[in-house]
Each structure stands twice: as C-alpha cells, then as structure tokens.
C-alpha cells in the first residue's frame, strides 16, 4: 500500500470514527441546549441561575471525565498490541479510579456555597443554584461510569453502541425537562430543578443500558470484563494517575477558565449572565467537533504505537489535523453568519439576544484556537506528554485568559478602560487560547519529530 493510499485509509477511518462520536456527543450536548431553551422560556432568572449552576457542574464533571478519558491511549495500545486479556484487567482496575472521582465530584456539588461566595454570585441566585446542583450530584455517578464505558468503546474503535444510547437518551431527556420544569399531569412546576431531575433519570437509564450491553454483547466476551475484580494494583493505578492525573488537571484548568467566566459575569446582572449562557452553550456544542476528532485521532495514534508502527501513528496525526482545520473554519464561519438567528432562537428578550449575538463574533475566534489546542493535547497524551501542557494551561488560561478577562471587565487593562461587559471575558480568553494552541503545536511537532528520528 502506498503512503497516499494509507493516508486516504487513515482519513476515512478517523472521519468515520469521529463522525460517530460527534453524533453521540451532540446528542449529549443537546441536554444542555434543551435545558437552556426550557429555562429561558420559563424565566430569565432561571436561565441566569442555569448559567451559574451548569458552570459549576461542567467544571466538576468534565475535569473528572478528563481523568477517565486519559485512559484511552492505554487501552488503545493494549488493543493494538493484541493483548486482549490485559484490556479486561485494566478496565476492572479503572473502577477504583472511577470510584474516587465519584466521591470527589459529589462532595463538591453538594457543597458549592463557598465557591459561589468567592466568585460573587448574587445571593438571590445561590439558593436555586444550590438546589439544582444537589440533584445533579446524584446524577454524577452514572455519568462518570458511563464515560468509562464510552472511553473503552472509543479505545477499541467501536463507538456506535455509545452513540445509539446517547441518541435514545435525548428522546427521554427532552420531554422530561419540559414536563418537570413547567409541570402538568399532576406534577407541579419545578423550574430549573426539574431540568436537574430529568438529567438524573436519563443518566441512570443510560448506565443501565450500558451494563446490559457490556454483559450480553458478543463483542465484549473475549475481554472477560465480568471476572471478579482484583485487589488494587498500585503499579497499574500509578500508571493511570501519571496519565490521568495531569490530564484531568489540565482539563480542570481548561474548563474552569471557560466556566468560571459565568460566575464572574453573574455580577453584571441577569441579562449579561443569560447572554453569556447562550454564547457558552453554543461554544460547548461546537467543541464537540474537535473533541470527537481528538478522540478518534488519538485512538488511531495509540493503536499504531501499540502495534509498533510509529510512522503510521504520525500519518494518523497529520490526517486528524487536516480534518480538524477544515471543520474549525466551517464552524466559526457559521457561528458568525448565523449569530442573530442563533441568539434569537435561545431567548425572546431582544436585549439578551442582541448581546449574545455580539459575543458570538468573539466565540468564533475562540473556537478555532480551541480546535487546534484540543487535538494537540489528546495526541500528546498518546506520547505520554502531560505535565508541560498542564503548566502552559495554568499560565495562559488561568493567568492571561481568566485573570486578564477579570481585569479588562472590571478594572481596565493597560490603555483599555473597564468594559463592564461579558465581551471582555471572551476577547481575552480567545487571545490566551490562541497563544496556547501555538505553543502546543510547537511541542507536538518536536515530540513527533523526536520519536521519528529515534526509530531511524
């Protein structure tokens, strides 16, 4: 097979895998879109409270999810090397890690008061946000266990089952959110908390289906997942933590640099918080594209590294970046051209829609940088490079992005006076993310080049 044929094959494999993952991820993201639209139609205050509540929940969930998602290269390498029995044992060991993330995440969600006071969330919002998060806390265990199931399937190149479950769950989530939020048929209107209950029910239903498939699916039998779980293997768990620890912390920094904006913006009032929620929700939906491509690309890179073919791994990496660049430009263009229609679809309030439309111009630039840096991080994990990306994230996303945003919004920055607008947060965060992407690209080029030279 020629290099050109191999490139075409990798391009198709990555595109097919990423497309399948993307459909499922969009179905899950539709949970947030559903809640945003339902809360926005219920009350402007509910939408503002959702902005704060979802920011806290996403910070917790996605950070812990990052720890579990970082296991993908390990399982993909074992699969590429044909070590089937080791995959099953490794998955059982990962349950110890997953249990720890569940306990940690629930503790934070059940006690968010200190965080809300530190970020200056108005007292009028805090009670409703707290009740919303207390419900979501009990939906976190099934969400993280299902993420483990999803990561396993992605590492084995079999994402379709996960996608079908995610699509089916949306069919349950949409009517439940509407019913529990607005009430009816004997159910009182629960408002924003009703959206939380709908998420909890759906998460447990998805986990139940995943367990049935894992138990009965013919594809999984050779891995022998259902053997008695072994005592903790500290060497294996140490390997998990060396990869998942920095990976999870990096995701924590990245996500909180994004979600903490909502908490700082809340003090600007409900209109600003609601407009920011629209922009952040659309950005999160757009993020599903680079996330899907990154999962697919890293699975292929790790597979070829496990099979002892680093040249094929480098080819898969290049094809992943080609796809990601094209899709990033398409998404960003659509966000700019359709900004007024998109904002109006979320909120009937003209002031909120107009402010949200202006934010979407900045979010388009944010998205392009986000695509490139996300793919870099996932592929760097395949080469076990995790600590330096974490340090870069801390310096740029927290220091320049979030810190600079706060200064520009409320105190002024250099020659620019205080903007008193959520636009300050999006502009500074986009600039910080662009610089991060540039550094990650240089680091990835150096890492792959060094690996290639080492095998000559």
Foldseek 3Di string as FASTA:
>chain_A
DDPVVLLVVLLVLLVVQLVLLLLLVLLVLVLLVLLLQLLQVLDLLLNLLCLQLVLQLCLLQQLLLLLLLLCLLVLLLCVLLVVQQVNLLLLLLCVVVLVVSLVVSLVCLQDVVVVLVVLVQDPVSVVVSSLLSNLLNLLRSLVSVVSNLQSNCLLNSHNNVSSVLSNVLSVQLNVQLNCQQPHDPPHHHPHSSSSSNSSSVSSVVSSVVSVVCCVPPPVNVSNPNPDPHDPNDVVSVVVSCLRSVLSSLLSSLVSSLLSSLLSNLNVLDSLQSSLSSLLSSLLVSLLSSLVSSLSSLLSQLSSCVSNVHNVSNVSSLVSSVVVLQVSLVVSLVCLLVCLLVSLCSSHVDVSSSVLSSVLSNLSSLLSNLSSLLSSLQSNVSSVSPRNVLSVLSCCQSVPQQNVVLSCCQPPNDVPHGHPVHSSSNSNRNSVSSNVSSVVSVVVSVVSSVVVVVVVD
